[in-house]
Amino acid sequence: MEQILSSMQEIDPIYKNRFGMGFYWRKDRKTIKSAVQIIFRDTGFYLKKGEILYFMRMAEEAQKRYRCPYPCSQCNRSILLKTPSKQVDLAVNRNELESICDLLKGVLFHIELEEYLYNLSLN
């Protein structure tokens, strides 16, 4: 995935971890910031900021519901993760869920930091 995306000139990366990445698409050398492409585990979601926030909340709720008292190697059951797409839920394991949470939090952090700096520059 990384090799394919890094060779593309039509993206503006926001955040990535070992599991996936979030980026804006570019068109005609302009970054399209109305939505973010989130890609992980051969799955892609094109989401607006509010949808990313909702997805992150669903991932955090799933983490709370499926707390496991054992080390990661002993608890590898599937966890049902709701997505912003009402027709799509994902079955993930605990490690994948943690990586998805990190990815979504990282993307939101960078979006909000960029918005803050932009608004600060207007003053």
PDB file of N, CA and C in Angstrom:
ATOM      1  N   MET A   1       0.830  -1.195   0.000  1.00  0.00           N
ATOM      2  CA  MET A   1       0.000   0.000   0.000  1.00  0.00           C
ATOM      3  C   MET A   1       0.872   1.255   0.000  1.00  0.00           C
ATOM      4  N   GLU A   2       1.879   1.282   0.870  1.00  0.00           N
ATOM      5  CA  GLU A   2       2.693   2.485   0.996  1.00  0.00           C
ATOM      6  C   GLU A   2       3.436   2.800  -0.295  1.00  0.00           C
ATOM      7  N   GLN A   3       3.928   1.762  -0.977  1.00  0.00           N
ATOM      8  CA  GLN A   3       4.643   1.982  -2.229  1.00  0.00           C
ATOM      9  C   GLN A   3       3.731   2.585  -3.288  1.00  0.00           C
ATOM     10  N   ILE A   4       2.520   2.096  -3.352  1.00  0.00           N
ATOM     11  CA  ILE A   4       1.572   2.616  -4.338  1.00  0.00           C
ATOM     12  C   ILE A   4       1.247   4.065  -4.027  1.00  0.00           C
ATOM     13  N   LEU A   5       0.899   4.356  -2.766  1.00  0.00           N
ATOM     14  CA  LEU A   5       0.481   5.703  -2.402  1.00  0.00           C
ATOM     15  C   LEU A   5       1.631   6.702  -2.448  1.00  0.00           C
ATOM     16  N   SER A   6       2.848   6.270  -2.063  1.00  0.00           N
ATOM     17  CA  SER A   6       3.961   7.213  -2.059  1.00  0.00           C
ATOM     18  C   SER A   6       4.376   7.596  -3.475  1.00  0.00           C
ATOM     19  N   SER A   7       4.072   6.757  -4.454  1.00  0.00           N
ATOM     20  CA  SER A   7       4.432   7.086  -5.829  1.00  0.00           C
ATOM     21  C   SER A   7       3.391   7.984  -6.495  1.00  0.00           C
ATOM     22  N   MET A   8       2.244   8.152  -5.834  1.00  0.00           N
ATOM     23  CA  MET A   8       1.186   8.980  -6.403  1.00  0.00           C
ATOM     24  C   MET A   8       1.431  10.446  -6.060  1.00  0.00           C
ATOM     25  N   GLN A   9       1.278  11.301  -7.038  1.00  0.00           N
ATOM     26  CA  GLN A   9       1.457  12.732  -6.829  1.00  0.00           C
ATOM     27  C   GLN A   9       0.148  13.415  -6.462  1.00  0.00           C
ATOM     28  N   GLU A  10      -0.953  12.683  -6.445  1.00  0.00           N
ATOM     29  CA  GLU A  10      -2.262  13.277  -6.245  1.00  0.00           C
ATOM     30  C   GLU A  10      -2.741  13.243  -4.808  1.00  0.00           C
ATOM     31  N   ILE A  11      -1.847  13.033  -3.842  1.00  0.00           N
ATOM     32  CA  ILE A  11      -2.267  13.004  -2.449  1.00  0.00           C
ATOM     33  C   ILE A  11      -1.456  13.984  -1.610  1.00  0.00           C
ATOM     34  N   ASP A  12      -2.055  14.392  -0.508  1.00  0.00           N
ATOM     35  CA  ASP A  12      -1.398  15.242   0.481  1.00  0.00           C
ATOM     36  C   ASP A  12      -1.521  14.510   1.816  1.00  0.00           C
ATOM     37  N   PRO A  13      -0.475  13.772   2.246  1.00  0.00           N
ATOM     38  CA  PRO A  13      -0.560  12.955   3.458  1.00  0.00           C
ATOM     39  C   PRO A  13      -0.849  13.795   4.702  1.00  0.00           C
ATOM     40  N   ILE A  14      -1.659  13.218   5.601  1.00  0.00           N
ATOM     41  CA  ILE A  14      -1.982  13.866   6.861  1.00  0.00           C
ATOM     42  C   ILE A  14      -1.296  13.137   8.006  1.00  0.00           C
ATOM     43  N   TYR A  15      -1.501  11.826   8.083  1.00  0.00           N
ATOM     44  CA  TYR A  15      -0.942  11.017   9.171  1.00  0.00           C
ATOM     45  C   TYR A  15      -0.915   9.566   8.723  1.00  0.00           C
ATOM     46  N   LYS A  16       0.104   8.841   9.172  1.00  0.00           N
ATOM     47  CA  LYS A  16       0.136   7.403   8.889  1.00  0.00           C
ATOM     48  C   LYS A  16       0.772   6.677  10.066  1.00  0.00           C
ATOM     49  N   ASN A  17       0.384   5.433  10.222  1.00  0.00           N
ATOM     50  CA  ASN A  17       1.044   4.534  11.157  1.00  0.00           C
ATOM     51  C   ASN A  17       1.310   3.233  10.412  1.00  0.00           C
ATOM     52  N   ARG A  18       1.744   2.202  11.110  1.00  0.00           N
ATOM     53  CA  ARG A  18       2.074   0.943  10.429  1.00  0.00           C
ATOM     54  C   ARG A  18       0.857   0.256   9.820  1.00  0.00           C
ATOM     55  N   PHE A  19      -0.311   0.621  10.291  1.00  0.00           N
ATOM     56  CA  PHE A  19      -1.531  -0.057   9.878  1.00  0.00           C
ATOM     57  C   PHE A  19      -2.221   0.620   8.700  1.00  0.00           C
ATOM     58  N   GLY A  20      -2.073   1.926   8.580  1.00  0.00           N
ATOM     59  CA  GLY A  20      -2.763   2.634   7.511  1.00  0.00           C
ATOM     60  C   GLY A  20      -2.363   4.087   7.429  1.00  0.00           C
ATOM     61  N   MET A  21      -3.138   4.855   6.680  1.00  0.00           N
ATOM     62  CA  MET A  21      -2.829   6.276   6.548  1.00  0.00           C
ATOM     63  C   MET A  21      -4.077   7.076   6.209  1.00  0.00           C
ATOM     64  N   GLY A  22      -3.980   8.385   6.474  1.00  0.00           N
ATOM     65  CA  GLY A  22      -5.028   9.317   6.106  1.00  0.00           C
ATOM     66  C   GLY A  22      -4.423  10.404   5.244  1.00  0.00           C
ATOM     67  N   PHE A  23      -5.138  10.812   4.206  1.00  0.00           N
ATOM     68  CA  PHE A  23      -4.617  11.844   3.315  1.00  0.00           C
ATOM     69  C   PHE A  23      -5.746  12.577   2.612  1.00  0.00           C
ATOM     70  N   TYR A  24      -5.407  13.757   2.121  1.00  0.00           N
ATOM     71  CA  TYR A  24      -6.309  14.516   1.254  1.00  0.00           C
ATOM     72  C   TYR A  24      -5.961  14.163  -0.188  1.00  0.00           C
ATOM     73  N   TRP A  25      -6.959  14.178  -1.043  1.00  0.00           N
ATOM     74  CA  TRP A  25      -6.725  14.039  -2.479  1.00  0.00           C
ATOM     75  C   TRP A  25      -6.379  15.407  -3.050  1.00  0.00           C
ATOM     76  N   ARG A  26      -5.614  15.421  -4.113  1.00  0.00           N
ATOM     77  CA  ARG A  26      -5.318  16.645  -4.853  1.00  0.00           C
ATOM     78  C   ARG A  26      -5.926  16.541  -6.240  1.00  0.00           C
ATOM     79  N   LYS A  27      -6.381  17.690  -6.717  1.00  0.00           N
ATOM     80  CA  LYS A  27      -6.893  17.753  -8.082  1.00  0.00           C
ATOM     81  C   LYS A  27      -6.431  19.073  -8.670  1.00  0.00           C
ATOM     82  N   ASP A  28      -5.831  19.008  -9.830  1.00  0.00           N
ATOM     83  CA  ASP A  28      -5.313  20.200 -10.497  1.00  0.00           C
ATOM     84  C   ASP A  28      -4.400  20.996  -9.560  1.00  0.00           C
ATOM     85  N   ARG A  29      -3.536  20.290  -8.849  1.00  0.00           N
ATOM     86  CA  ARG A  29      -2.545  20.869  -7.931  1.00  0.00           C
ATOM     87  C   ARG A  29      -3.145  21.580  -6.715  1.00  0.00           C
ATOM     88  N   LYS A  30      -4.440  21.369  -6.474  1.00  0.00           N
ATOM     89  CA  LYS A  30      -5.090  21.942  -5.298  1.00  0.00           C
ATOM     90  C   LYS A  30      -5.532  20.801  -4.386  1.00  0.00           C
ATOM     91  N   THR A  31      -5.317  20.990  -3.091  1.00  0.00           N
ATOM     92  CA  THR A  31      -5.714  19.977  -2.118  1.00  0.00           C
ATOM     93  C   THR A  31      -7.211  20.095  -1.830  1.00  0.00           C
ATOM     94  N   ILE A  32      -7.903  18.974  -1.925  1.00  0.00           N
ATOM     95  CA  ILE A  32      -9.340  18.933  -1.648  1.00  0.00           C
ATOM     96  C   ILE A  32      -9.512  18.565  -0.176  1.00  0.00           C
ATOM     97  N   LYS A  33      -9.916  19.551   0.629  1.00  0.00           N
ATOM     98  CA  LYS A  33      -9.981  19.346   2.075  1.00  0.00           C
ATOM     99  C   LYS A  33     -11.394  19.123   2.602  1.00  0.00           C
ATOM    100  N   SER A  34     -12.341  18.862   1.727  1.00  0.00           N
ATOM    101  CA  SER A  34     -13.711  18.632   2.183  1.00  0.00           C
ATOM    102  C   SER A  34     -13.875  17.265   2.841  1.00  0.00           C
ATOM    103  N   ALA A  35     -12.971  16.328   2.531  1.00  0.00           N
ATOM    104  CA  ALA A  35     -13.023  14.991   3.127  1.00  0.00           C
ATOM    105  C   ALA A  35     -11.614  14.394   3.123  1.00  0.00           C
ATOM    106  N   VAL A  36     -11.446  13.373   3.931  1.00  0.00           N
ATOM    107  CA  VAL A  36     -10.146  12.707   4.090  1.00  0.00           C
ATOM    108  C   VAL A  36     -10.291  11.244   3.677  1.00  0.00           C
ATOM    109  N   GLN A  37      -9.321  10.751   2.940  1.00  0.00           N
ATOM    110  CA  GLN A  37      -9.279   9.329   2.604  1.00  0.00           C
ATOM    111  C   GLN A  37      -8.536   8.617   3.730  1.00  0.00           C
ATOM    112  N   ILE A  38      -9.207   7.664   4.370  1.00  0.00           N
ATOM    113  CA  ILE A  38      -8.601   6.841   5.422  1.00  0.00           C
ATOM    114  C   ILE A  38      -8.482   5.436   4.853  1.00  0.00           C
ATOM    115  N   ILE A  39      -7.259   4.896   4.861  1.00  0.00           N
ATOM    116  CA  ILE A  39      -7.034   3.562   4.299  1.00  0.00           C
ATOM    117  C   ILE A  39      -6.317   2.702   5.333  1.00  0.00           C
ATOM    118  N   PHE A  40      -6.854   1.509   5.562  1.00  0.00           N
ATOM    119  CA  PHE A  40      -6.193   0.516   6.399  1.00  0.00           C
ATOM    120  C   PHE A  40      -6.729  -0.859   6.024  1.00  0.00           C
ATOM    121  N   ARG A  41      -5.905  -1.850   6.185  1.00  0.00           N
ATOM    122  CA  ARG A  41      -6.261  -3.252   5.940  1.00  0.00           C
ATOM    123  C   ARG A  41      -7.073  -3.439   4.660  1.00  0.00           C
ATOM    124  N   ASP A  42      -6.572  -2.929   3.562  1.00  0.00           N
ATOM    125  CA  ASP A  42      -7.222  -3.066   2.252  1.00  0.00           C
ATOM    126  C   ASP A  42      -8.626  -2.475   2.208  1.00  0.00           C
ATOM    127  N   THR A  43      -8.905  -1.517   3.083  1.00  0.00           N
ATOM    128  CA  THR A  43     -10.214  -0.882   3.153  1.00  0.00           C
ATOM    129  C   THR A  43     -10.031   0.620   3.118  1.00  0.00           C
ATOM    130  N   GLY A  44     -10.881   1.303   2.384  1.00  0.00           N
ATOM    131  CA  GLY A  44     -10.792   2.754   2.323  1.00  0.00           C
ATOM    132  C   GLY A  44     -12.120   3.407   2.657  1.00  0.00           C
ATOM    133  N   PHE A  45     -12.042   4.501   3.397  1.00  0.00           N
ATOM    134  CA  PHE A  45     -13.209   5.317   3.719  1.00  0.00           C
ATOM    135  C   PHE A  45     -12.889   6.749   3.340  1.00  0.00           C
ATOM    136  N   TYR A  46     -13.798   7.409   2.678  1.00  0.00           N
ATOM    137  CA  TYR A  46     -13.660   8.822   2.326  1.00  0.00           C
ATOM    138  C   TYR A  46     -14.606   9.575   3.251  1.00  0.00           C
ATOM    139  N   LEU A  47     -14.050  10.230   4.283  1.00  0.00           N
ATOM    140  CA  LEU A  47     -14.851  10.749   5.383  1.00  0.00           C
ATOM    141  C   LEU A  47     -14.650  12.240   5.627  1.00  0.00           C
ATOM    142  N   LYS A  48     -15.720  12.882   6.047  1.00  0.00           N
ATOM    143  CA  LYS A  48     -15.644  14.267   6.501  1.00  0.00           C
ATOM    144  C   LYS A  48     -15.194  14.262   7.953  1.00  0.00           C
ATOM    145  N   LYS A  49     -14.785  15.415   8.454  1.00  0.00           N
ATOM    146  CA  LYS A  49     -14.244  15.499   9.809  1.00  0.00           C
ATOM    147  C   LYS A  49     -15.213  14.926  10.849  1.00  0.00           C
ATOM    148  N   GLY A  50     -16.494  15.263  10.767  1.00  0.00           N
ATOM    149  CA  GLY A  50     -17.476  14.752  11.714  1.00  0.00           C
ATOM    150  C   GLY A  50     -17.598  13.235  11.673  1.00  0.00           C
ATOM    151  N   GLU A  51     -17.447  12.660  10.494  1.00  0.00           N
ATOM    152  CA  GLU A  51     -17.515  11.211  10.348  1.00  0.00           C
ATOM    153  C   GLU A  51     -16.276  10.541  10.937  1.00  0.00           C
ATOM    154  N   ILE A  52     -15.124  11.198  10.810  1.00  0.00           N
ATOM    155  CA  ILE A  52     -13.895  10.666  11.423  1.00  0.00           C
ATOM    156  C   ILE A  52     -14.049  10.680  12.942  1.00  0.00           C
ATOM    157  N   LEU A  53     -14.595  11.759  13.472  1.00  0.00           N
ATOM    158  CA  LEU A  53     -14.826  11.877  14.909  1.00  0.00           C
ATOM    159  C   LEU A  53     -15.785  10.776  15.386  1.00  0.00           C
ATOM    160  N   TYR A  54     -16.864  10.545  14.652  1.00  0.00           N
ATOM    161  CA  TYR A  54     -17.813   9.483  14.978  1.00  0.00           C
ATOM    162  C   TYR A  54     -17.122   8.114  14.948  1.00  0.00           C
ATOM    163  N   PHE A  55     -16.334   7.857  13.912  1.00  0.00           N
ATOM    164  CA  PHE A  55     -15.621   6.593  13.770  1.00  0.00           C
ATOM    165  C   PHE A  55     -14.674   6.396  14.954  1.00  0.00           C
ATOM    166  N   MET A  56     -13.976   7.453  15.351  1.00  0.00           N
ATOM    167  CA  MET A  56     -13.059   7.369  16.482  1.00  0.00           C
ATOM    168  C   MET A  56     -13.829   7.024  17.764  1.00  0.00           C
ATOM    169  N   ARG A  57     -14.986   7.656  17.970  1.00  0.00           N
ATOM    170  CA  ARG A  57     -15.806   7.342  19.156  1.00  0.00           C
ATOM    171  C   ARG A  57     -16.261   5.889  19.148  1.00  0.00           C
ATOM    172  N   MET A  58     -16.649   5.385  17.973  1.00  0.00           N
ATOM    173  CA  MET A  58     -17.069   3.988  17.876  1.00  0.00           C
ATOM    174  C   MET A  58     -15.900   3.048  18.196  1.00  0.00           C
ATOM    175  N   ALA A  59     -14.715   3.408  17.747  1.00  0.00           N
ATOM    176  CA  ALA A  59     -13.530   2.588  18.029  1.00  0.00           C
ATOM    177  C   ALA A  59     -13.201   2.616  19.524  1.00  0.00           C
ATOM    178  N   GLU A  60     -13.303   3.781  20.140  1.00  0.00           N
ATOM    179  CA  GLU A  60     -13.040   3.883  21.579  1.00  0.00           C
ATOM    180  C   GLU A  60     -14.082   3.094  22.380  1.00  0.00           C
ATOM    181  N   GLU A  61     -15.349   3.151  21.964  1.00  0.00           N
ATOM    182  CA  GLU A  61     -16.395   2.375  22.639  1.00  0.00           C
ATOM    183  C   GLU A  61     -16.141   0.880  22.493  1.00  0.00           C
ATOM    184  N   ALA A  62     -15.713   0.459  21.323  1.00  0.00           N
ATOM    185  CA  ALA A  62     -15.402  -0.954  21.102  1.00  0.00           C
ATOM    186  C   ALA A  62     -14.248  -1.381  22.002  1.00  0.00           C
ATOM    187  N   GLN A  63     -13.259  -0.523  22.178  1.00  0.00           N
ATOM    188  CA  GLN A  63     -12.150  -0.845  23.081  1.00  0.00           C
ATOM    189  C   GLN A  63     -12.654  -1.043  24.506  1.00  0.00           C
ATOM    190  N   LYS A  64     -13.555  -0.201  24.942  1.00  0.00           N
ATOM    191  CA  LYS A  64     -14.100  -0.321  26.305  1.00  0.00           C
ATOM    192  C   LYS A  64     -14.930  -1.588  26.466  1.00  0.00           C
ATOM    193  N   ARG A  65     -15.726  -1.923  25.462  1.00  0.00           N
ATOM    194  CA  ARG A  65     -16.590  -3.103  25.527  1.00  0.00           C
ATOM    195  C   ARG A  65     -15.800  -4.397  25.530  1.00  0.00           C
ATOM    196  N   TYR A  66     -14.693  -4.416  24.849  1.00  0.00           N
ATOM    197  CA  TYR A  66     -13.947  -5.661  24.663  1.00  0.00           C
ATOM    198  C   TYR A  66     -12.601  -5.642  25.379  1.00  0.00           C
ATOM    199  N   ARG A  67     -12.574  -5.100  26.566  1.00  0.00           N
ATOM    200  CA  ARG A  67     -11.346  -5.143  27.372  1.00  0.00           C
ATOM    201  C   ARG A  67     -11.017  -6.606  27.659  1.00  0.00           C
ATOM    202  N   CYS A  68      -9.761  -6.942  27.512  1.00  0.00           N
ATOM    203  CA  CYS A  68      -9.326  -8.320  27.740  1.00  0.00           C
ATOM    204  C   CYS A  68      -8.260  -8.303  28.830  1.00  0.00           C
ATOM    205  N   PRO A  69      -8.386  -9.139  29.846  1.00  0.00           N
ATOM    206  CA  PRO A  69      -7.420  -9.127  30.943  1.00  0.00           C
ATOM    207  C   PRO A  69      -6.099  -9.825  30.614  1.00  0.00           C
ATOM    208  N   TYR A  70      -6.025 -10.472  29.465  1.00  0.00           N
ATOM    209  CA  TYR A  70      -4.840 -11.244  29.115  1.00  0.00           C
ATOM    210  C   TYR A  70      -3.913 -10.444  28.205  1.00  0.00           C
ATOM    211  N   PRO A  71      -2.640 -10.855  28.139  1.00  0.00           N
ATOM    212  CA  PRO A  71      -1.724 -10.210  27.186  1.00  0.00           C
ATOM    213  C   PRO A  71      -2.226 -10.381  25.755  1.00  0.00           C
ATOM    214  N   CYS A  72      -1.782  -9.518  24.887  1.00  0.00           N
ATOM    215  CA  CYS A  72      -2.263  -9.505  23.486  1.00  0.00           C
ATOM    216  C   CYS A  72      -2.203 -10.873  22.816  1.00  0.00           C
ATOM    217  N   SER A  73      -1.187 -11.652  23.114  1.00  0.00           N
ATOM    218  CA  SER A  73      -1.036 -12.934  22.430  1.00  0.00           C
ATOM    219  C   SER A  73      -2.118 -13.935  22.822  1.00  0.00           C
ATOM    220  N   GLN A  74      -2.790 -13.714  23.959  1.00  0.00           N
ATOM    221  CA  GLN A  74      -3.800 -14.657  24.408  1.00  0.00           C
ATOM    222  C   GLN A  74      -5.223 -14.233  24.053  1.00  0.00           C
ATOM    223  N   CYS A  75      -5.382 -13.031  23.571  1.00  0.00           N
ATOM    224  CA  CYS A  75      -6.722 -12.537  23.298  1.00  0.00           C
ATOM    225  C   CYS A  75      -6.775 -11.973  21.884  1.00  0.00           C
ATOM    226  N   ASN A  76      -7.188 -12.801  20.953  1.00  0.00           N
ATOM    227  CA  ASN A  76      -7.167 -12.376  19.564  1.00  0.00           C
ATOM    228  C   ASN A  76      -8.530 -12.568  18.909  1.00  0.00           C
ATOM    229  N   ARG A  77      -9.590 -12.420  19.692  1.00  0.00           N
ATOM    230  CA  ARG A  77     -10.919 -12.621  19.135  1.00  0.00           C
ATOM    231  C   ARG A  77     -11.358 -11.431  18.299  1.00  0.00           C
ATOM    232  N   SER A  78     -12.334 -11.640  17.471  1.00  0.00           N
ATOM    233  CA  SER A  78     -12.838 -10.570  16.611  1.00  0.00           C
ATOM    234  C   SER A  78     -13.732  -9.624  17.401  1.00  0.00           C
ATOM    235  N   ILE A  79     -13.569  -8.356  17.117  1.00  0.00           N
ATOM    236  CA  ILE A  79     -14.354  -7.286  17.728  1.00  0.00           C
ATOM    237  C   ILE A  79     -15.128  -6.623  16.607  1.00  0.00           C
ATOM    238  N   LEU A  80     -16.415  -6.426  16.806  1.00  0.00           N
ATOM    239  CA  LEU A  80     -17.242  -5.775  15.794  1.00  0.00           C
ATOM    240  C   LEU A  80     -17.140  -4.270  15.959  1.00  0.00           C
ATOM    241  N   LEU A  81     -16.649  -3.583  14.929  1.00  0.00           N
ATOM    242  CA  LEU A  81     -16.447  -2.140  14.947  1.00  0.00           C
ATOM    243  C   LEU A  81     -17.423  -1.477  13.988  1.00  0.00           C
ATOM    244  N   LYS A  82     -18.266  -0.629  14.516  1.00  0.00           N
ATOM    245  CA  LYS A  82     -19.194   0.137  13.672  1.00  0.00           C
ATOM    246  C   LYS A  82     -18.407   1.224  12.948  1.00  0.00           C
ATOM    247  N   THR A  83     -18.832   1.534  11.730  1.00  0.00           N
ATOM    248  CA  THR A  83     -18.183   2.564  10.922  1.00  0.00           C
ATOM    249  C   THR A  83     -19.200   3.660  10.611  1.00  0.00           C
ATOM    250  N   PRO A  84     -18.744   4.776  10.066  1.00  0.00           N
ATOM    251  CA  PRO A  84     -19.684   5.829   9.667  1.00  0.00           C
ATOM    252  C   PRO A  84     -20.617   5.405   8.538  1.00  0.00           C
ATOM    253  N   SER A  85     -20.260   4.363   7.816  1.00  0.00           N
ATOM    254  CA  SER A  85     -21.140   3.821   6.768  1.00  0.00           C
ATOM    255  C   SER A  85     -22.099   2.841   7.428  1.00  0.00           C
ATOM    256  N   LYS A  86     -23.360   3.171   7.470  1.00  0.00           N
ATOM    257  CA  LYS A  86     -24.346   2.383   8.216  1.00  0.00           C
ATOM    258  C   LYS A  86     -24.414   0.922   7.767  1.00  0.00           C
ATOM    259  N   GLN A  87     -24.088   0.653   6.523  1.00  0.00           N
ATOM    260  CA  GLN A  87     -24.167  -0.716   6.022  1.00  0.00           C
ATOM    261  C   GLN A  87     -22.886  -1.510   6.262  1.00  0.00           C
ATOM    262  N   VAL A  88     -21.850  -0.880   6.834  1.00  0.00           N
ATOM    263  CA  VAL A  88     -20.555  -1.541   6.964  1.00  0.00           C
ATOM    264  C   VAL A  88     -20.098  -1.560   8.419  1.00  0.00           C
ATOM    265  N   ASP A  89     -19.877  -2.757   8.945  1.00  0.00           N
ATOM    266  CA  ASP A  89     -19.204  -2.961  10.225  1.00  0.00           C
ATOM    267  C   ASP A  89     -17.971  -3.797   9.924  1.00  0.00           C
ATOM    268  N   LEU A  90     -16.934  -3.636  10.726  1.00  0.00           N
ATOM    269  CA  LEU A  90     -15.691  -4.368  10.511  1.00  0.00           C
ATOM    270  C   LEU A  90     -15.431  -5.327  11.656  1.00  0.00           C
ATOM    271  N   ALA A  91     -14.921  -6.501  11.352  1.00  0.00           N
ATOM    272  CA  ALA A  91     -14.455  -7.439  12.369  1.00  0.00           C
ATOM    273  C   ALA A  91     -12.949  -7.262  12.467  1.00  0.00           C
ATOM    274  N   VAL A  92     -12.487  -6.803  13.626  1.00  0.00           N
ATOM    275  CA  VAL A  92     -11.063  -6.531  13.830  1.00  0.00           C
ATOM    276  C   VAL A  92     -10.608  -7.203  15.122  1.00  0.00           C
ATOM    277  N   ASN A  93      -9.311  -7.416  15.250  1.00  0.00           N
ATOM    278  CA  ASN A  93      -8.795  -7.910  16.522  1.00  0.00           C
ATOM    279  C   ASN A  93      -8.335  -6.720  17.371  1.00  0.00           C
ATOM    280  N   ARG A  94      -7.890  -6.984  18.568  1.00  0.00           N
ATOM    281  CA  ARG A  94      -7.548  -5.909  19.500  1.00  0.00           C
ATOM    282  C   ARG A  94      -6.397  -5.048  18.977  1.00  0.00           C
ATOM    283  N   ASN A  95      -5.383  -5.661  18.410  1.00  0.00           N
ATOM    284  CA  ASN A  95      -4.254  -4.889  17.876  1.00  0.00           C
ATOM    285  C   ASN A  95      -4.688  -3.986  16.727  1.00  0.00           C
ATOM    286  N   GLU A  96      -5.529  -4.520  15.844  1.00  0.00           N
ATOM    287  CA  GLU A  96      -6.034  -3.713  14.739  1.00  0.00           C
ATOM    288  C   GLU A  96      -6.877  -2.550  15.256  1.00  0.00           C
ATOM    289  N   LEU A  97      -7.689  -2.819  16.265  1.00  0.00           N
ATOM    290  CA  LEU A  97      -8.530  -1.777  16.848  1.00  0.00           C
ATOM    291  C   LEU A  97      -7.675  -0.654  17.442  1.00  0.00           C
ATOM    292  N   GLU A  98      -6.611  -1.017  18.136  1.00  0.00           N
ATOM    293  CA  GLU A  98      -5.701  -0.006  18.692  1.00  0.00           C
ATOM    294  C   GLU A  98      -5.053   0.813  17.577  1.00  0.00           C
ATOM    295  N   SER A  99      -4.674   0.156  16.499  1.00  0.00           N
ATOM    296  CA  SER A  99      -4.059   0.863  15.365  1.00  0.00           C
ATOM    297  C   SER A  99      -5.051   1.784  14.674  1.00  0.00           C
ATOM    298  N   ILE A 100      -6.305   1.347  14.555  1.00  0.00           N
ATOM    299  CA  ILE A 100      -7.338   2.189  13.955  1.00  0.00           C
ATOM    300  C   ILE A 100      -7.571   3.418  14.819  1.00  0.00           C
ATOM    301  N   CYS A 101      -7.652   3.224  16.143  1.00  0.00           N
ATOM    302  CA  CYS A 101      -7.812   4.364  17.059  1.00  0.00           C
ATOM    303  C   CYS A 101      -6.660   5.351  16.899  1.00  0.00           C
ATOM    304  N   ASP A 102      -5.440   4.845  16.872  1.00  0.00           N
ATOM    305  CA  ASP A 102      -4.277   5.718  16.704  1.00  0.00           C
ATOM    306  C   ASP A 102      -4.350   6.470  15.385  1.00  0.00           C
ATOM    307  N   LEU A 103      -4.712   5.781  14.322  1.00  0.00           N
ATOM    308  CA  LEU A 103      -4.806   6.401  13.001  1.00  0.00           C
ATOM    309  C   LEU A 103      -5.842   7.519  12.996  1.00  0.00           C
ATOM    310  N   LEU A 104      -7.025   7.241  13.517  1.00  0.00           N
ATOM    311  CA  LEU A 104      -8.094   8.245  13.523  1.00  0.00           C
ATOM    312  C   LEU A 104      -7.743   9.433  14.416  1.00  0.00           C
ATOM    313  N   LYS A 105      -7.170   9.163  15.593  1.00  0.00           N
ATOM    314  CA  LYS A 105      -6.752  10.248  16.491  1.00  0.00           C
ATOM    315  C   LYS A 105      -5.656  11.089  15.852  1.00  0.00           C
ATOM    316  N   GLY A 106      -4.713  10.444  15.187  1.00  0.00           N
ATOM    317  CA  GLY A 106      -3.635  11.165  14.527  1.00  0.00           C
ATOM    318  C   GLY A 106      -4.138  12.057  13.401  1.00  0.00           C
ATOM    319  N   VAL A 107      -5.049  11.531  12.607  1.00  0.00           N
ATOM    320  CA  VAL A 107      -5.633  12.320  11.517  1.00  0.00           C
ATOM    321  C   VAL A 107      -6.387  13.517  12.085  1.00  0.00           C
ATOM    322  N   LEU A 108      -7.231  13.292  13.094  1.00  0.00           N
ATOM    323  CA  LEU A 108      -7.983  14.396  13.702  1.00  0.00           C
ATOM    324  C   LEU A 108      -7.066  15.439  14.329  1.00  0.00           C
ATOM    325  N   PHE A 109      -6.023  14.979  15.002  1.00  0.00           N
ATOM    326  CA  PHE A 109      -5.076  15.913  15.609  1.00  0.00           C
ATOM    327  C   PHE A 109      -4.477  16.833  14.553  1.00  0.00           C
ATOM    328  N   HIS A 110      -4.025  16.270  13.456  1.00  0.00           N
ATOM    329  CA  HIS A 110      -3.386  17.078  12.408  1.00  0.00           C
ATOM    330  C   HIS A 110      -4.380  18.003  11.709  1.00  0.00           C
ATOM    331  N   ILE A 111      -5.605  17.541  11.511  1.00  0.00           N
ATOM    332  CA  ILE A 111      -6.630  18.404  10.910  1.00  0.00           C
ATOM    333  C   ILE A 111      -6.914  19.587  11.835  1.00  0.00           C
ATOM    334  N   GLU A 112      -7.111  19.296  13.127  1.00  0.00           N
ATOM    335  CA  GLU A 112      -7.427  20.360  14.078  1.00  0.00           C
ATOM    336  C   GLU A 112      -6.255  21.305  14.290  1.00  0.00           C
ATOM    337  N   LEU A 113      -5.038  20.789  14.270  1.00  0.00           N
ATOM    338  CA  LEU A 113      -3.851  21.646  14.379  1.00  0.00           C
ATOM    339  C   LEU A 113      -3.768  22.583  13.182  1.00  0.00           C
ATOM    340  N   GLU A 114      -4.005  22.050  12.003  1.00  0.00           N
ATOM    341  CA  GLU A 114      -3.981  22.874  10.791  1.00  0.00           C
ATOM    342  C   GLU A 114      -5.070  23.955  10.849  1.00  0.00           C
ATOM    343  N   GLU A 115      -6.262  23.595  11.304  1.00  0.00           N
ATOM    344  CA  GLU A 115      -7.343  24.576  11.437  1.00  0.00           C
ATOM    345  C   GLU A 115      -6.983  25.651  12.460  1.00  0.00           C
ATOM    346  N   TYR A 116      -6.398  25.245  13.576  1.00  0.00           N
ATOM    347  CA  TYR A 116      -5.999  26.191  14.618  1.00  0.00           C
ATOM    348  C   TYR A 116      -4.964  27.177  14.080  1.00  0.00           C
ATOM    349  N   LEU A 117      -3.946  26.660  13.416  1.00  0.00           N
ATOM    350  CA  LEU A 117      -2.898  27.535  12.875  1.00  0.00           C
ATOM    351  C   LEU A 117      -3.446  28.466  11.811  1.00  0.00           C
ATOM    352  N   TYR A 118      -4.356  27.976  10.983  1.00  0.00           N
ATOM    353  CA  TYR A 118      -4.967  28.825   9.970  1.00  0.00           C
ATOM    354  C   TYR A 118      -5.754  29.950  10.634  1.00  0.00           C
ATOM    355  N   ASN A 119      -6.578  29.612  11.612  1.00  0.00           N
ATOM    356  CA  ASN A 119      -7.380  30.636  12.307  1.00  0.00           C
ATOM    357  C   ASN A 119      -6.493  31.611  13.077  1.00  0.00           C
ATOM    358  N   LEU A 120      -5.397  31.137  13.607  1.00  0.00           N
ATOM    359  CA  LEU A 120      -4.449  31.993  14.324  1.00  0.00           C
ATOM    360  C   LEU A 120      -3.818  32.994  13.359  1.00  0.00           C
ATOM    361  N   SER A 121      -3.549  32.551  12.149  1.00  0.00           N
ATOM    362  CA  SER A 121      -2.922  33.437  11.162  1.00  0.00           C
ATOM    363  C   SER A 121      -3.888  34.525  10.682  1.00  0.00           C
ATOM    364  N   LEU A 122      -5.189  34.299  10.840  1.00  0.00           N
ATOM    365  CA  LEU A 122      -6.158  35.310  10.423  1.00  0.00           C
ATOM    366  C   LEU A 122      -6.215  36.478  11.397  1.00  0.00           C
ATOM    367  N   ASN A 123      -5.798  36.247  12.642  1.00  0.00           N
ATOM    368  CA  ASN A 123      -5.856  37.308  13.665  1.00  0.00           C
ATOM    369  C   ASN A 123      -4.706  38.232  13.570  1.00  0.00           C
TER     370      ASN A 123
END
